[in-house]
Amino acid sequence: MKKITATFLMFMITMQLFAQGQGSSITDSLYASGKIYVVVACVLVILLGLLLFLFTIEKRLKKIEKKTSAKI
């Protein structure tokens, strides 16, 4: 749990550093047309899907490790 929290905090700090730059014309146009919410939603869905995939792999690995350690 500590690793997840530390990773999340590092990610948020990194995002804050990049968010301080000057806005470009593409970001202004996305905000103006309201499409920025679609972009943010797509990014969130992709990230959540990747995290879910990684956690399921982790659970499977733990189960396999328990089976192999019980056989030894």
PDB file of N, CA and C in Angstrom:
ATOM      1  N   MET A   1       0.826  -1.192   0.000  1.00  0.00           N
ATOM      2  CA  MET A   1       0.000   0.000   0.000  1.00  0.00           C
ATOM      3  C   MET A   1       0.871   1.256   0.000  1.00  0.00           C
ATOM      4  N   LYS A   2       2.018   1.167   0.670  1.00  0.00           N
ATOM      5  CA  LYS A   2       2.911   2.319   0.710  1.00  0.00           C
ATOM      6  C   LYS A   2       3.472   2.618  -0.668  1.00  0.00           C
ATOM      7  N   LYS A   3       3.747   1.557  -1.434  1.00  0.00           N
ATOM      8  CA  LYS A   3       4.290   1.762  -2.774  1.00  0.00           C
ATOM      9  C   LYS A   3       3.265   2.449  -3.666  1.00  0.00           C
ATOM     10  N   ILE A   4       2.014   2.055  -3.538  1.00  0.00           N
ATOM     11  CA  ILE A   4       0.955   2.655  -4.349  1.00  0.00           C
ATOM     12  C   ILE A   4       0.788   4.122  -3.993  1.00  0.00           C
ATOM     13  N   THR A   5       0.800   4.420  -2.699  1.00  0.00           N
ATOM     14  CA  THR A   5       0.654   5.801  -2.260  1.00  0.00           C
ATOM     15  C   THR A   5       1.831   6.648  -2.732  1.00  0.00           C
ATOM     16  N   ALA A   6       3.041   6.106  -2.604  1.00  0.00           N
ATOM     17  CA  ALA A   6       4.221   6.852  -3.036  1.00  0.00           C
ATOM     18  C   ALA A   6       4.195   7.085  -4.541  1.00  0.00           C
ATOM     19  N   THR A   7       3.797   6.075  -5.300  1.00  0.00           N
ATOM     20  CA  THR A   7       3.713   6.215  -6.750  1.00  0.00           C
ATOM     21  C   THR A   7       2.671   7.258  -7.134  1.00  0.00           C
ATOM     22  N   PHE A   8       1.540   7.230  -6.475  1.00  0.00           N
ATOM     23  CA  PHE A   8       0.484   8.199  -6.757  1.00  0.00           C
ATOM     24  C   PHE A   8       0.949   9.620  -6.453  1.00  0.00           C
ATOM     25  N   LEU A   9       1.631   9.804  -5.330  1.00  0.00           N
ATOM     26  CA  LEU A   9       2.122  11.139  -4.976  1.00  0.00           C
ATOM     27  C   LEU A   9       3.166  11.622  -5.974  1.00  0.00           C
ATOM     28  N   MET A  10       4.059  10.738  -6.406  1.00  0.00           N
ATOM     29  CA  MET A  10       5.049  11.124  -7.411  1.00  0.00           C
ATOM     30  C   MET A  10       4.378  11.517  -8.717  1.00  0.00           C
ATOM     31  N   PHE A  11       3.365  10.776  -9.095  1.00  0.00           N
ATOM     32  CA  PHE A  11       2.624  11.082 -10.318  1.00  0.00           C
ATOM     33  C   PHE A  11       1.967  12.452 -10.218  1.00  0.00           C
ATOM     34  N   MET A  12       1.357  12.749  -9.082  1.00  0.00           N
ATOM     35  CA  MET A  12       0.688  14.035  -8.912  1.00  0.00           C
ATOM     36  C   MET A  12       1.690  15.187  -8.919  1.00  0.00           C
ATOM     37  N   ILE A  13       2.858  15.009  -8.322  1.00  0.00           N
ATOM     38  CA  ILE A  13       3.880  16.047  -8.324  1.00  0.00           C
ATOM     39  C   ILE A  13       4.361  16.302  -9.749  1.00  0.00           C
ATOM     40  N   THR A  14       4.564  15.226 -10.501  1.00  0.00           N
ATOM     41  CA  THR A  14       4.998  15.359 -11.891  1.00  0.00           C
ATOM     42  C   THR A  14       3.950  16.095 -12.711  1.00  0.00           C
ATOM     43  N   MET A  15       2.696  15.757 -12.532  1.00  0.00           N
ATOM     44  CA  MET A  15       1.633  16.415 -13.281  1.00  0.00           C
ATOM     45  C   MET A  15       1.563  17.894 -12.929  1.00  0.00           C
ATOM     46  N   GLN A  16       1.818  18.237 -11.680  1.00  0.00           N
ATOM     47  CA  GLN A  16       1.793  19.638 -11.272  1.00  0.00           C
ATOM     48  C   GLN A  16       2.908  20.420 -11.963  1.00  0.00           C
ATOM     49  N   LEU A  17       4.076  19.805 -12.108  1.00  0.00           N
ATOM     50  CA  LEU A  17       5.185  20.492 -12.765  1.00  0.00           C
ATOM     51  C   LEU A  17       4.874  20.767 -14.229  1.00  0.00           C
ATOM     52  N   PHE A  18       4.264  19.799 -14.921  1.00  0.00           N
ATOM     53  CA  PHE A  18       3.938  19.986 -16.321  1.00  0.00           C
ATOM     54  C   PHE A  18       2.751  20.922 -16.521  1.00  0.00           C
ATOM     55  N   ALA A  19       1.895  21.017 -15.530  1.00  0.00           N
ATOM     56  CA  ALA A  19       0.705  21.842 -15.660  1.00  0.00           C
ATOM     57  C   ALA A  19       1.012  23.337 -15.536  1.00  0.00           C
ATOM     58  N   GLN A  20       2.208  23.700 -15.155  1.00  0.00           N
ATOM     59  CA  GLN A  20       2.537  25.102 -14.947  1.00  0.00           C
ATOM     60  C   GLN A  20       2.991  25.811 -16.216  1.00  0.00           C
ATOM     61  N   GLY A  21       3.114  25.091 -17.310  1.00  0.00           N
ATOM     62  CA  GLY A  21       3.563  25.704 -18.556  1.00  0.00           C
ATOM     63  C   GLY A  21       2.492  26.595 -19.167  1.00  0.00           C
ATOM     64  N   GLN A  22       2.880  27.338 -20.196  1.00  0.00           N
ATOM     65  CA  GLN A  22       1.941  28.215 -20.889  1.00  0.00           C
ATOM     66  C   GLN A  22       0.984  27.391 -21.748  1.00  0.00           C
ATOM     67  N   GLY A  23      -0.255  27.811 -21.815  1.00  0.00           N
ATOM     68  CA  GLY A  23      -1.243  27.115 -22.619  1.00  0.00           C
ATOM     69  C   GLY A  23      -0.998  27.329 -24.103  1.00  0.00           C
ATOM     70  N   SER A  24      -1.162  26.286 -24.869  1.00  0.00           N
ATOM     71  CA  SER A  24      -0.974  26.413 -26.313  1.00  0.00           C
ATOM     72  C   SER A  24      -2.331  26.564 -26.982  1.00  0.00           C
ATOM     73  N   SER A  25      -2.318  26.737 -28.276  1.00  0.00           N
ATOM     74  CA  SER A  25      -3.570  26.966 -28.997  1.00  0.00           C
ATOM     75  C   SER A  25      -4.445  25.721 -29.018  1.00  0.00           C
ATOM     76  N   ILE A  26      -3.844  24.536 -29.016  1.00  0.00           N
ATOM     77  CA  ILE A  26      -4.658  23.317 -29.054  1.00  0.00           C
ATOM     78  C   ILE A  26      -5.403  23.128 -27.732  1.00  0.00           C
ATOM     79  N   THR A  27      -4.758  23.452 -26.622  1.00  0.00           N
ATOM     80  CA  THR A  27      -5.455  23.317 -25.346  1.00  0.00           C
ATOM     81  C   THR A  27      -6.564  24.355 -25.229  1.00  0.00           C
ATOM     82  N   ASP A  28      -6.307  25.551 -25.725  1.00  0.00           N
ATOM     83  CA  ASP A  28      -7.348  26.576 -25.694  1.00  0.00           C
ATOM     84  C   ASP A  28      -8.545  26.164 -26.539  1.00  0.00           C
ATOM     85  N   SER A  29      -8.281  25.578 -27.704  1.00  0.00           N
ATOM     86  CA  SER A  29      -9.391  25.159 -28.553  1.00  0.00           C
ATOM     87  C   SER A  29     -10.151  23.989 -27.944  1.00  0.00           C
ATOM     88  N   LEU A  30      -9.440  23.081 -27.250  1.00  0.00           N
ATOM     89  CA  LEU A  30     -10.125  21.968 -26.593  1.00  0.00           C
ATOM     90  C   LEU A  30     -11.005  22.466 -25.458  1.00  0.00           C
ATOM     91  N   TYR A  31     -10.495  23.430 -24.700  1.00  0.00           N
ATOM     92  CA  TYR A  31     -11.306  24.016 -23.633  1.00  0.00           C
ATOM     93  C   TYR A  31     -12.516  24.753 -24.202  1.00  0.00           C
ATOM     94  N   ALA A  32     -12.298  25.489 -25.259  1.00  0.00           N
ATOM     95  CA  ALA A  32     -13.380  26.294 -25.826  1.00  0.00           C
ATOM     96  C   ALA A  32     -14.497  25.426 -26.387  1.00  0.00           C
ATOM     97  N   SER A  33     -14.136  24.310 -27.011  1.00  0.00           N
ATOM     98  CA  SER A  33     -15.160  23.462 -27.613  1.00  0.00           C
ATOM     99  C   SER A  33     -15.736  22.437 -26.628  1.00  0.00           C
ATOM    100  N   GLY A  34     -15.127  22.315 -25.452  1.00  0.00           N
ATOM    101  CA  GLY A  34     -15.623  21.368 -24.461  1.00  0.00           C
ATOM    102  C   GLY A  34     -15.136  19.949 -24.690  1.00  0.00           C
ATOM    103  N   LYS A  35     -14.221  19.748 -25.619  1.00  0.00           N
ATOM    104  CA  LYS A  35     -13.722  18.412 -25.912  1.00  0.00           C
ATOM    105  C   LYS A  35     -12.650  17.955 -24.933  1.00  0.00           C
ATOM    106  N   ILE A  36     -12.182  18.856 -24.094  1.00  0.00           N
ATOM    107  CA  ILE A  36     -11.160  18.494 -23.121  1.00  0.00           C
ATOM    108  C   ILE A  36     -11.679  17.438 -22.165  1.00  0.00           C
ATOM    109  N   TYR A  37     -12.969  17.466 -21.883  1.00  0.00           N
ATOM    110  CA  TYR A  37     -13.549  16.477 -20.977  1.00  0.00           C
ATOM    111  C   TYR A  37     -13.529  15.085 -21.606  1.00  0.00           C
ATOM    112  N   VAL A  38     -13.699  15.020 -22.903  1.00  0.00           N
ATOM    113  CA  VAL A  38     -13.630  13.738 -23.604  1.00  0.00           C
ATOM    114  C   VAL A  38     -12.198  13.197 -23.545  1.00  0.00           C
ATOM    115  N   VAL A  39     -11.234  14.066 -23.737  1.00  0.00           N
ATOM    116  CA  VAL A  39      -9.828  13.655 -23.680  1.00  0.00           C
ATOM    117  C   VAL A  39      -9.479  13.158 -22.282  1.00  0.00           C
ATOM    118  N   VAL A  40      -9.885  13.897 -21.266  1.00  0.00           N
ATOM    119  CA  VAL A  40      -9.599  13.510 -19.883  1.00  0.00           C
ATOM    120  C   VAL A  40     -10.285  12.190 -19.555  1.00  0.00           C
ATOM    121  N   ALA A  41     -11.519  12.009 -19.999  1.00  0.00           N
ATOM    122  CA  ALA A  41     -12.235  10.765 -19.743  1.00  0.00           C
ATOM    123  C   ALA A  41     -11.536   9.587 -20.415  1.00  0.00           C
ATOM    124  N   CYS A  42     -11.077   9.764 -21.636  1.00  0.00           N
ATOM    125  CA  CYS A  42     -10.369   8.684 -22.338  1.00  0.00           C
ATOM    126  C   CYS A  42      -9.072   8.327 -21.625  1.00  0.00           C
ATOM    127  N   VAL A  43      -8.333   9.327 -21.195  1.00  0.00           N
ATOM    128  CA  VAL A  43      -7.079   9.070 -20.484  1.00  0.00           C
ATOM    129  C   VAL A  43      -7.345   8.340 -19.179  1.00  0.00           C
ATOM    130  N   LEU A  44      -8.372   8.747 -18.454  1.00  0.00           N
ATOM    131  CA  LEU A  44      -8.712   8.082 -17.194  1.00  0.00           C
ATOM    132  C   LEU A  44      -9.139   6.632 -17.414  1.00  0.00           C
ATOM    133  N   VAL A  45      -9.932   6.390 -18.443  1.00  0.00           N
ATOM    134  CA  VAL A  45     -10.359   5.021 -18.734  1.00  0.00           C
ATOM    135  C   VAL A  45      -9.160   4.142 -19.069  1.00  0.00           C
ATOM    136  N   ILE A  46      -8.245   4.668 -19.863  1.00  0.00           N
ATOM    137  CA  ILE A  46      -7.054   3.895 -20.231  1.00  0.00           C
ATOM    138  C   ILE A  46      -6.195   3.609 -18.998  1.00  0.00           C
ATOM    139  N   LEU A  47      -5.965   4.614 -18.170  1.00  0.00           N
ATOM    140  CA  LEU A  47      -5.151   4.411 -16.969  1.00  0.00           C
ATOM    141  C   LEU A  47      -5.804   3.454 -15.987  1.00  0.00           C
ATOM    142  N   LEU A  48      -7.096   3.591 -15.794  1.00  0.00           N
ATOM    143  CA  LEU A  48      -7.791   2.674 -14.890  1.00  0.00           C
ATOM    144  C   LEU A  48      -7.774   1.252 -15.420  1.00  0.00           C
ATOM    145  N   GLY A  49      -7.912   1.095 -16.733  1.00  0.00           N
ATOM    146  CA  GLY A  49      -7.827  -0.226 -17.333  1.00  0.00           C
ATOM    147  C   GLY A  49      -6.465  -0.855 -17.131  1.00  0.00           C
ATOM    148  N   LEU A  50      -5.414  -0.063 -17.306  1.00  0.00           N
ATOM    149  CA  LEU A  50      -4.058  -0.573 -17.086  1.00  0.00           C
ATOM    150  C   LEU A  50      -3.834  -0.958 -15.625  1.00  0.00           C
ATOM    151  N   LEU A  51      -4.303  -0.123 -14.707  1.00  0.00           N
ATOM    152  CA  LEU A  51      -4.157  -0.441 -13.291  1.00  0.00           C
ATOM    153  C   LEU A  51      -4.927  -1.697 -12.918  1.00  0.00           C
ATOM    154  N   LEU A  52      -6.131  -1.842 -13.419  1.00  0.00           N
ATOM    155  CA  LEU A  52      -6.922  -3.039 -13.148  1.00  0.00           C
ATOM    156  C   LEU A  52      -6.220  -4.275 -13.694  1.00  0.00           C
ATOM    157  N   PHE A  53      -5.682  -4.169 -14.894  1.00  0.00           N
ATOM    158  CA  PHE A  53      -4.951  -5.272 -15.505  1.00  0.00           C
ATOM    159  C   PHE A  53      -3.736  -5.659 -14.670  1.00  0.00           C
ATOM    160  N   LEU A  54      -2.987  -4.669 -14.199  1.00  0.00           N
ATOM    161  CA  LEU A  54      -1.804  -4.954 -13.384  1.00  0.00           C
ATOM    162  C   LEU A  54      -2.168  -5.587 -12.050  1.00  0.00           C
ATOM    163  N   PHE A  55      -3.245  -5.133 -11.424  1.00  0.00           N
ATOM    164  CA  PHE A  55      -3.648  -5.720 -10.155  1.00  0.00           C
ATOM    165  C   PHE A  55      -4.133  -7.159 -10.323  1.00  0.00           C
ATOM    166  N   THR A  56      -4.833  -7.446 -11.423  1.00  0.00           N
ATOM    167  CA  THR A  56      -5.266  -8.825 -11.640  1.00  0.00           C
ATOM    168  C   THR A  56      -4.070  -9.737 -11.902  1.00  0.00           C
ATOM    169  N   ILE A  57      -3.074  -9.241 -12.629  1.00  0.00           N
ATOM    170  CA  ILE A  57      -1.865 -10.032 -12.842  1.00  0.00           C
ATOM    171  C   ILE A  57      -1.160 -10.278 -11.512  1.00  0.00           C
ATOM    172  N   GLU A  58      -1.120  -9.272 -10.669  1.00  0.00           N
ATOM    173  CA  GLU A  58      -0.482  -9.417  -9.364  1.00  0.00           C
ATOM    174  C   GLU A  58      -1.192 -10.485  -8.530  1.00  0.00           C
ATOM    175  N   LYS A  59      -2.515 -10.485  -8.532  1.00  0.00           N
ATOM    176  CA  LYS A  59      -3.271 -11.497  -7.791  1.00  0.00           C
ATOM    177  C   LYS A  59      -2.987 -12.895  -8.327  1.00  0.00           C
ATOM    178  N   ARG A  60      -2.950 -13.031  -9.648  1.00  0.00           N
ATOM    179  CA  ARG A  60      -2.663 -14.332 -10.252  1.00  0.00           C
ATOM    180  C   ARG A  60      -1.264 -14.805  -9.885  1.00  0.00           C
ATOM    181  N   LEU A  61      -0.296 -13.897  -9.900  1.00  0.00           N
ATOM    182  CA  LEU A  61       1.068 -14.263  -9.541  1.00  0.00           C
ATOM    183  C   LEU A  61       1.160 -14.723  -8.094  1.00  0.00           C
ATOM    184  N   LYS A  62       0.482 -14.030  -7.201  1.00  0.00           N
ATOM    185  CA  LYS A  62       0.494 -14.435  -5.797  1.00  0.00           C
ATOM    186  C   LYS A  62      -0.114 -15.824  -5.626  1.00  0.00           C
ATOM    187  N   LYS A  63      -1.191 -16.095  -6.353  1.00  0.00           N
ATOM    188  CA  LYS A  63      -1.830 -17.398  -6.267  1.00  0.00           C
ATOM    189  C   LYS A  63      -0.892 -18.498  -6.781  1.00  0.00           C
ATOM    190  N   ILE A  64      -0.209 -18.237  -7.881  1.00  0.00           N
ATOM    191  CA  ILE A  64       0.734 -19.210  -8.444  1.00  0.00           C
ATOM    192  C   ILE A  64       1.919 -19.416  -7.500  1.00  0.00           C
ATOM    193  N   GLU A  65       2.399 -18.333  -6.901  1.00  0.00           N
ATOM    194  CA  GLU A  65       3.509 -18.451  -5.955  1.00  0.00           C
ATOM    195  C   GLU A  65       3.118 -19.276  -4.740  1.00  0.00           C
ATOM    196  N   LYS A  66       1.895 -19.113  -4.266  1.00  0.00           N
ATOM    197  CA  LYS A  66       1.438 -19.909  -3.123  1.00  0.00           C
ATOM    198  C   LYS A  66       1.351 -21.383  -3.492  1.00  0.00           C
ATOM    199  N   LYS A  67       0.868 -21.663  -4.700  1.00  0.00           N
ATOM    200  CA  LYS A  67       0.771 -23.059  -5.135  1.00  0.00           C
ATOM    201  C   LYS A  67       2.150 -23.687  -5.254  1.00  0.00           C
ATOM    202  N   THR A  68       3.100 -22.965  -5.822  1.00  0.00           N
ATOM    203  CA  THR A  68       4.435 -23.526  -6.007  1.00  0.00           C
ATOM    204  C   THR A  68       5.177 -23.667  -4.667  1.00  0.00           C
ATOM    205  N   SER A  69       4.966 -22.756  -3.752  1.00  0.00           N
ATOM    206  CA  SER A  69       5.627 -22.870  -2.457  1.00  0.00           C
ATOM    207  C   SER A  69       5.012 -23.995  -1.610  1.00  0.00           C
ATOM    208  N   ALA A  70       3.739 -24.280  -1.827  1.00  0.00           N
ATOM    209  CA  ALA A  70       3.086 -25.379  -1.102  1.00  0.00           C
ATOM    210  C   ALA A  70       3.565 -26.734  -1.620  1.00  0.00           C
ATOM    211  N   LYS A  71       3.912 -26.812  -2.908  1.00  0.00           N
ATOM    212  CA  LYS A  71       4.382 -28.069  -3.497  1.00  0.00           C
ATOM    213  C   LYS A  71       5.789 -28.409  -3.043  1.00  0.00           C
ATOM    214  N   ILE A  72       6.570 -27.395  -2.741  1.00  0.00           N
ATOM    215  CA  ILE A  72       7.972 -27.630  -2.334  1.00  0.00           C
ATOM    216  C   ILE A  72       7.989 -28.056  -0.910  1.00  0.00           C
TER     217      ILE A  72
END
